[in-house]
């Protein structure tokens, strides 16, 4: 799928994001905004989000994404109520509605109810089918539960299922990683989101590493990443973003919006909104967010207008994450600069090292460049 472009006089449709900050247990690697939940706050959270969506002026919108946390902890009725609150937005045809879900508790009837509520794309947090990996990652489901949830989703009518996997966990081997990917290819998943295990500050994983836990080194991490890239590409999954692979027509429209620089509105604690050039972030304290929202007060924690320099660097960072890369003529027109002249030296060095390539007006990462994406983008700062 080529990059989505719009006439400069036409504002692209928004993506709508709702952060559901509840999990049954915090995984040791997780630094997201969430609390361990017994369900007591779900109703209050739902009503706060519904009110804030209804009070938002209507915009043109094309996607709705329930992220988390564990959105599947919300009952289907709550999910439907939140979607209903957004009826005043001007939706494009074939609206994509994604919900992230953990395998546990995803029975056939519950999945059917999510479908009836309006969810048409499922992002299933499998992470791994290896029991030792699930244990080290602190996951609460068994491998069979992940497969059962996937099959139940098919039976419930989902025809667009993304499987989320993590690589780089202690003891992982390339052979086991390839075998797991092949299993999900045989299952027919339309999409893969594949993330390397990273050590975030303040997490239990960070404490374990400091206490001596050994993770795969940089060489093995690189091998695991490229093994997935090569296998999935050969099997017909487009590596349309650094961590995302989809069969043609099954790329995440919502997430592509972020990488294409589209505006978005975020609801829920810690969620971000972006209406160029302004970015906002909501309160990250879950209880305070709910209490402030119930009282009708502002839940915005931070708001800033990005400078042209910040916007340019962000556009480069996001553009290079895409398979097709950054479309430089649009960049030059938007910011009134000559990208090639402005970055002549790093471009020459990275082209010489085989990390970037030109295709028409697009600057894109090569296969090797994808592994070093953060380093490549840093050269433009």
Protein backbone atom coordinates (compact mmCIF):
# COMPACT_ATOMS: atom_id res chain seq x y z
CA UNK A 1 0.00 0.00 0.00
CA UNK A 2 1.55 3.35 -0.99
CA UNK A 3 1.75 6.23 1.42
CA UNK A 4 -1.55 7.99 1.91
CA UNK A 5 -1.32 11.59 0.73
CA UNK A 6 -3.87 14.38 0.85
CA UNK A 7 -4.11 17.72 -0.95
CA UNK A 8 -2.58 20.39 1.25
CA UNK A 9 -5.93 22.17 1.50
CA UNK A 10 -7.60 19.00 2.76
CA UNK A 11 -7.22 17.94 6.37
CA UNK A 12 -6.83 14.16 6.69
CA UNK A 13 -9.30 12.29 8.91
CA UNK A 14 -8.50 11.81 12.58
CA UNK A 15 -7.73 8.60 14.37
CA UNK A 16 -9.50 8.15 17.72
CA UNK A 17 -7.64 6.37 20.51
CA UNK A 18 -8.96 5.23 23.90
CA UNK A 19 -6.43 4.07 26.47
CA UNK A 20 -7.95 1.43 28.76
CA UNK A 21 -5.66 1.46 31.82
CA UNK A 22 -6.61 -1.88 33.39
CA UNK A 23 -4.75 -5.18 33.61
CA UNK A 24 -5.16 -8.24 35.77
CA UNK A 25 -1.42 -8.08 36.45
CA UNK A 26 1.42 -5.78 35.41
CA UNK A 27 3.97 -7.61 33.28
CA UNK A 28 7.59 -7.16 34.43
CA UNK A 29 8.62 -5.36 31.21
CA UNK A 30 5.63 -2.98 31.14
CA UNK A 31 5.97 0.77 31.72
CA UNK A 32 2.53 1.73 30.34
CA UNK A 33 -0.03 3.77 32.25
CA UNK A 34 -2.21 1.17 33.99
CA UNK A 35 -3.34 -0.28 37.29
CA UNK A 36 -4.09 -3.83 38.32
CA UNK A 37 -7.86 -4.00 38.27
CA UNK A 38 -10.63 -5.88 40.01
CA UNK A 39 -13.26 -4.23 37.81
CA UNK A 40 -14.48 -1.71 40.36
CA UNK A 41 -13.39 1.32 38.31
CA UNK A 42 -14.52 0.11 34.90
CA UNK A 43 -17.97 1.70 34.98
CA UNK A 44 -16.69 5.06 36.18
CA UNK A 45 -13.91 5.06 33.58
CA UNK A 46 -16.38 4.24 30.81
CA UNK A 47 -18.69 7.10 31.75
CA UNK A 48 -15.83 9.61 31.93
CA UNK A 49 -14.55 8.62 28.49
CA UNK A 50 -18.06 8.67 27.02
CA UNK A 51 -18.67 12.17 28.35
CA UNK A 52 -15.37 13.50 27.04
CA UNK A 53 -15.95 12.00 23.60
CA UNK A 54 -19.46 13.48 23.42
CA UNK A 55 -18.13 16.89 24.45
CA UNK A 56 -15.45 16.86 21.76
CA UNK A 57 -16.41 18.87 18.67
CA UNK A 58 -17.15 16.58 15.73
CA UNK A 59 -14.28 15.86 13.37
CA UNK A 60 -13.79 13.72 10.28
CA UNK A 61 -12.50 10.37 11.53
CA UNK A 62 -11.61 7.00 10.03
CA UNK A 63 -10.30 4.74 12.80
CA UNK A 64 -11.00 3.88 16.43
CA UNK A 65 -8.45 2.03 18.56
CA UNK A 66 -8.88 0.58 22.05
CA UNK A 67 -5.36 0.23 23.48
CA UNK A 68 -4.04 -0.55 26.90
CA UNK A 69 -3.62 -1.98 29.32
CA UNK A 70 -6.04 -4.73 28.51
CA UNK A 71 -9.11 -3.34 26.73
CA UNK A 72 -10.71 -6.81 26.70
CA UNK A 73 -11.17 -6.45 30.45
CA UNK A 74 -14.01 -4.05 29.62
CA UNK A 75 -17.34 -5.78 29.04
CA UNK A 76 -18.65 -5.64 25.47
CA UNK A 77 -21.46 -3.36 26.68
CA UNK A 78 -18.90 -0.79 27.83
CA UNK A 79 -17.02 -1.01 24.53
CA UNK A 80 -20.28 -0.50 22.63
CA UNK A 81 -21.23 2.44 24.84
CA UNK A 82 -17.90 4.17 24.17
CA UNK A 83 -18.26 3.62 20.43
CA UNK A 84 -21.82 4.92 20.58
CA UNK A 85 -20.62 8.14 22.18
CA UNK A 86 -18.55 8.79 19.07
CA UNK A 87 -21.51 8.68 16.69
CA UNK A 88 -21.35 12.45 16.20
CA UNK A 89 -17.96 12.19 14.52
CA UNK A 90 -18.10 12.20 10.72
CA UNK A 91 -16.92 8.68 9.95
CA UNK A 92 -15.41 7.63 6.66
CA UNK A 93 -16.81 4.46 5.03
CA UNK A 94 -15.43 1.13 6.29
CA UNK A 95 -14.38 2.46 9.69
CA UNK A 96 -11.64 0.36 11.26
CA UNK A 97 -12.27 -0.42 14.96
CA UNK A 98 -9.39 -2.24 16.65
CA UNK A 99 -9.34 -3.67 20.15
CA UNK A 100 -6.26 -5.06 21.87
CA UNK A 101 -7.05 -8.21 23.81
CA UNK A 102 -5.32 -10.75 26.00
CA UNK A 103 -6.10 -14.43 25.38
CA UNK A 104 -7.46 -15.25 28.83
CA UNK A 105 -11.23 -14.99 29.15
CA UNK A 106 -11.84 -14.61 25.41
CA UNK A 107 -14.63 -17.12 24.92
CA UNK A 108 -16.75 -17.36 21.80
CA UNK A 109 -19.79 -15.54 23.22
CA UNK A 110 -17.71 -12.64 24.55
CA UNK A 111 -15.97 -12.27 21.21
CA UNK A 112 -19.30 -12.33 19.37
CA UNK A 113 -20.49 -9.56 21.66
CA UNK A 114 -17.44 -7.42 20.85
CA UNK A 115 -18.19 -7.91 17.16
CA UNK A 116 -21.79 -6.83 17.70
CA UNK A 117 -20.56 -3.80 19.64
CA UNK A 118 -18.66 -2.65 16.57
CA UNK A 119 -15.13 -4.06 16.88
CA UNK A 120 -13.94 -5.39 13.51
CA UNK A 121 -10.21 -5.84 14.08
CA UNK A 122 -8.57 -7.76 16.93
CA UNK A 123 -5.00 -7.34 18.14
CA UNK A 124 -4.26 -10.47 20.18
CA UNK A 125 -1.52 -10.18 22.82
CA UNK A 126 0.01 -13.63 22.41
CA UNK A 127 3.64 -12.56 23.01
CA UNK A 128 4.82 -16.19 22.71
CA UNK A 129 3.72 -19.81 22.48
CA UNK A 130 6.76 -20.93 24.47
CA UNK A 131 5.84 -21.73 28.11
CA UNK A 132 9.24 -20.62 29.42
CA UNK A 133 8.90 -17.32 27.56
CA UNK A 134 5.45 -16.68 28.98
CA UNK A 135 6.81 -17.35 32.46
CA UNK A 136 9.78 -15.01 32.05
CA UNK A 137 7.54 -12.34 30.50
CA UNK A 138 5.12 -12.60 33.42
CA UNK A 139 2.16 -13.47 31.21
CA UNK A 140 -0.89 -15.05 32.83
CA UNK A 141 -2.05 -17.24 29.92
CA UNK A 142 -0.89 -20.61 28.65
CA UNK A 143 0.02 -21.32 24.99
CA UNK A 144 -3.17 -23.31 24.45
CA UNK A 145 -5.25 -20.34 25.66
CA UNK A 146 -3.71 -18.13 22.97
CA UNK A 147 -4.57 -20.64 20.25
CA UNK A 148 -8.06 -21.20 21.66
CA UNK A 149 -8.70 -17.44 21.75
CA UNK A 150 -7.51 -17.11 18.15
CA UNK A 151 -9.79 -19.91 16.96
CA UNK A 152 -12.71 -18.50 18.95
CA UNK A 153 -12.16 -15.11 17.32
CA UNK A 154 -12.37 -16.77 13.91
CA UNK A 155 -15.57 -18.54 14.91
CA UNK A 156 -16.96 -15.21 16.16
CA UNK A 157 -16.51 -13.71 12.70
CA UNK A 158 -13.24 -11.78 12.98
CA UNK A 159 -11.53 -11.70 9.61
CA UNK A 160 -8.78 -9.27 10.55
CA UNK A 161 -6.63 -10.56 13.41
CA UNK A 162 -3.21 -9.23 14.37
CA UNK A 163 -0.94 -11.42 16.46
CA UNK A 164 1.37 -9.52 18.82
CA UNK A 165 4.69 -11.24 19.59
CA UNK A 166 7.81 -10.37 21.60
CA UNK A 167 11.32 -11.50 20.73
CA UNK A 168 14.53 -11.21 22.70
CA UNK A 169 13.42 -12.96 25.91
CA UNK A 170 15.91 -14.95 28.03
CA UNK A 171 16.97 -18.19 26.40
CA UNK A 172 15.29 -17.61 23.05
CA UNK A 173 16.85 -19.22 19.98
CA UNK A 174 16.48 -18.29 16.29
CA UNK A 175 15.22 -21.81 15.55
CA UNK A 176 12.44 -21.58 18.12
CA UNK A 177 11.53 -18.09 16.94
CA UNK A 178 11.20 -19.17 13.32
CA UNK A 179 9.13 -22.21 14.34
CA UNK A 180 6.73 -19.96 16.26
CA UNK A 181 6.34 -17.57 13.34
CA UNK A 182 5.67 -20.48 11.00
CA UNK A 183 2.98 -21.78 13.36
CA UNK A 184 1.10 -18.47 13.19
CA UNK A 185 1.56 -18.26 9.43
CA UNK A 186 -0.08 -21.69 9.15
CA UNK A 187 -2.90 -20.44 11.39
CA UNK A 188 -3.53 -17.71 8.84
CA UNK A 189 -3.00 -14.54 10.90
CA UNK A 190 -3.46 -11.49 8.68
CA UNK A 191 -1.03 -9.30 10.58
CA UNK A 192 1.95 -9.47 12.92
CA UNK A 193 3.14 -6.84 15.40
CA UNK A 194 6.60 -7.90 16.54
CA UNK A 195 8.50 -6.07 19.26
CA UNK A 196 11.93 -6.62 20.76
CA UNK A 197 11.96 -6.94 24.54
CA UNK A 198 13.29 -3.66 25.91
CA UNK A 199 14.31 -2.75 29.44
CA UNK A 200 12.24 0.25 30.54
CA UNK A 201 13.24 2.32 33.56
CA UNK A 202 11.43 1.54 36.79
CA UNK A 203 10.14 -1.86 35.69
CA UNK A 204 10.56 -5.22 37.38
CA UNK A 205 12.54 -6.33 34.32
CA UNK A 206 15.06 -3.55 34.90
CA UNK A 207 15.52 -4.70 38.47
CA UNK A 208 15.99 -8.30 37.34
CA UNK A 209 18.61 -7.31 34.78
CA UNK A 210 20.48 -5.31 37.41
CA UNK A 211 20.37 -8.42 39.60
CA UNK A 212 21.97 -10.55 36.89
CA UNK A 213 19.23 -11.65 34.47
CA UNK A 214 20.81 -12.18 31.05
CA UNK A 215 18.99 -11.07 27.88
CA UNK A 216 20.05 -11.84 24.29
CA UNK A 217 22.93 -9.64 23.18
CA UNK A 218 22.73 -7.11 20.37
CA UNK A 219 23.97 -9.62 17.78
CA UNK A 220 21.24 -12.13 18.63
CA UNK A 221 18.58 -9.43 18.80
CA UNK A 222 19.59 -8.39 15.29
CA UNK A 223 19.46 -12.00 14.09
CA UNK A 224 15.99 -12.49 15.55
CA UNK A 225 14.69 -9.28 13.97
CA UNK A 226 16.04 -10.11 10.53
CA UNK A 227 14.79 -13.71 10.75
CA UNK A 228 11.25 -12.38 11.19
CA UNK A 229 11.72 -9.78 8.47
CA UNK A 230 12.99 -12.31 5.93
CA UNK A 231 10.48 -15.05 6.72
CA UNK A 232 7.38 -12.88 6.84
CA UNK A 233 8.38 -10.95 3.72
CA UNK A 234 8.85 -14.24 1.86
CA UNK A 235 5.41 -15.41 3.04
CA UNK A 236 3.60 -12.38 1.63
CA UNK A 237 3.46 -10.12 4.70
CA UNK A 238 4.49 -6.56 3.86
CA UNK A 239 6.90 -5.09 6.42
CA UNK A 240 5.06 -1.79 6.11
CA UNK A 241 6.53 -0.42 9.35
CA UNK A 242 9.54 -1.35 11.46
CA UNK A 243 7.57 -3.65 13.79
CA UNK A 244 4.47 -4.40 11.72
CA UNK A 245 3.77 -6.85 8.91
CA UNK A 246 0.46 -7.26 7.14
CA UNK A 247 -0.96 -9.15 4.21
CA UNK A 248 -2.01 -6.69 1.47
CA UNK A 249 -5.11 -4.86 2.60
CA UNK A 250 -4.66 -5.79 6.26
CA UNK A 251 -2.23 -3.12 7.43
CA UNK A 252 -3.39 -1.24 10.52
CA UNK A 253 -5.03 1.89 9.12
CA UNK A 254 -5.02 3.48 12.58
CA UNK A 255 -1.32 2.97 13.24
CA UNK A 256 -0.43 4.03 9.71
CA UNK A 257 -2.08 7.32 10.59
CA UNK A 258 0.58 8.00 13.23
CA UNK A 259 3.42 7.28 10.80
CA UNK A 260 1.77 9.33 8.05
CA UNK A 261 1.52 12.34 10.37
CA UNK A 262 -2.29 12.35 10.58
CA UNK A 263 -4.01 14.09 13.52
CA UNK A 264 -5.46 12.02 16.33
CA UNK A 265 -7.48 12.43 19.52
CA UNK A 266 -6.65 10.45 22.65
CA UNK A 267 -9.01 9.65 25.52
CA UNK A 268 -8.15 7.94 28.77
CA UNK A 269 -5.26 8.39 31.24
CA UNK A 270 -1.90 8.99 29.61
CA UNK A 271 -3.40 9.20 26.11
CA UNK A 272 -1.97 11.75 23.68
CA UNK A 273 -3.65 13.94 21.08
CA UNK A 274 -2.06 15.66 18.12
CA UNK A 275 -3.62 18.49 16.14
CA UNK A 276 -0.65 20.00 14.29
CA UNK A 277 1.29 21.72 15.62
CA UNK A 278 -0.15 21.09 19.12
CA UNK A 279 0.35 17.94 21.18
CA UNK A 280 -1.52 17.20 24.41
CA UNK A 281 -1.13 14.47 27.02
CA UNK A 282 -3.74 13.45 29.57
CA UNK A 283 -3.15 12.87 33.25
CA UNK A 284 -1.27 9.63 33.77
CA UNK A 285 -2.65 8.94 37.25
CA UNK A 286 -5.62 6.66 36.61
CA UNK A 287 -7.67 7.49 39.70
CA UNK A 288 -7.00 11.22 39.41
CA UNK A 289 -8.00 11.11 35.74
CA UNK A 290 -11.32 9.49 36.62
CA UNK A 291 -12.02 11.81 39.57
CA UNK A 292 -11.11 14.94 37.59
CA UNK A 293 -13.24 13.77 34.67
CA UNK A 294 -16.23 13.03 36.89
CA UNK A 295 -16.02 16.55 38.26
CA UNK A 296 -15.94 18.09 34.81
CA UNK A 297 -12.40 19.39 35.22
CA UNK A 298 -9.59 19.33 32.70
CA UNK A 299 -7.74 16.04 32.40
CA UNK A 300 -4.93 17.52 30.30
CA UNK A 301 -1.54 17.20 31.96
CA UNK A 302 0.64 18.70 29.24
CA UNK A 303 0.13 20.79 26.14
CA UNK A 304 2.81 22.13 23.82
CA UNK A 305 3.10 23.64 20.39
CA UNK A 306 5.89 21.89 18.52
CA UNK A 307 8.53 24.10 16.94
CA UNK A 308 9.29 23.69 13.23
CA UNK A 309 12.53 21.90 14.17
CA UNK A 310 10.66 19.46 16.41
CA UNK A 311 8.07 18.80 13.74
CA UNK A 312 10.71 18.19 11.09
CA UNK A 313 12.58 15.69 13.24
CA UNK A 314 9.36 13.93 14.15
CA UNK A 315 8.31 13.75 10.51
CA UNK A 316 11.68 12.20 9.61
CA UNK A 317 11.44 9.71 12.48
CA UNK A 318 7.90 8.66 11.60
CA UNK A 319 8.46 8.67 7.84
CA UNK A 320 11.50 6.41 8.03
CA UNK A 321 9.55 3.88 10.07
CA UNK A 322 7.42 3.19 6.98
CA UNK A 323 8.43 0.69 4.36
CA UNK A 324 8.19 3.28 1.57
CA UNK A 325 10.02 5.84 3.69
CA UNK A 326 9.88 9.63 3.84
CA UNK A 327 8.46 11.41 0.80
CA UNK A 328 10.97 14.23 0.55
CA UNK A 329 9.12 16.54 -1.93
CA UNK A 330 6.21 16.82 0.53
CA UNK A 331 8.67 17.41 3.39
CA UNK A 332 10.39 20.22 1.48
CA UNK A 333 7.06 21.84 0.57
CA UNK A 334 5.66 21.63 4.10
CA UNK A 335 8.71 23.06 5.88
CA UNK A 336 10.17 25.27 3.17
CA UNK A 337 13.57 23.55 3.22
CA UNK A 338 15.80 21.54 0.89
CA UNK A 339 16.09 18.20 2.70
CA UNK A 340 18.91 16.84 0.54
CA UNK A 341 21.02 19.98 0.93
CA UNK A 342 20.24 20.32 4.63
CA UNK A 343 21.37 16.74 5.39
CA UNK A 344 23.93 16.19 2.63
CA UNK A 345 26.74 14.75 4.77
CA UNK A 346 24.75 12.22 6.87
CA UNK A 347 22.88 11.15 3.72
CA UNK A 348 26.13 10.45 1.89
CA UNK A 349 27.52 8.52 4.86
CA UNK A 350 24.38 6.43 5.39
CA UNK A 351 23.97 5.70 1.68
CA UNK A 352 27.61 4.62 1.58
CA UNK A 353 27.03 2.32 4.54
CA UNK A 354 23.98 0.78 2.88
CA UNK A 355 21.55 1.96 5.56
CA UNK A 356 19.25 4.12 3.40
CA UNK A 357 18.20 4.13 -0.24
CA UNK A 358 16.34 6.44 -2.62
CA UNK A 359 13.32 5.35 -4.65
CA UNK A 360 11.94 8.24 -6.64
CA UNK A 361 11.29 10.95 -4.09
CA UNK A 362 11.23 8.52 -1.14
CA UNK A 363 14.10 8.07 1.31
CA UNK A 364 13.76 4.66 2.96
CA UNK A 365 15.69 2.40 5.29
CA UNK A 366 17.30 -0.68 3.78
CA UNK A 367 17.02 -4.13 5.36
CA UNK A 368 20.15 -3.41 7.37
CA UNK A 369 19.03 0.11 8.14
CA UNK A 370 15.83 -1.13 9.76
CA UNK A 371 17.89 -2.84 12.45
CA UNK A 372 19.65 0.46 13.21
CA UNK A 373 16.66 2.76 12.79
CA UNK A 374 17.15 4.78 15.98
CA UNK A 375 20.79 5.41 15.12
CA UNK A 376 19.93 6.43 11.57
CA UNK A 377 17.23 8.88 12.65
CA UNK A 378 19.59 10.36 15.23
CA UNK A 379 21.88 11.49 12.44
CA UNK A 380 19.23 13.97 11.30
CA UNK A 381 18.90 15.69 14.68
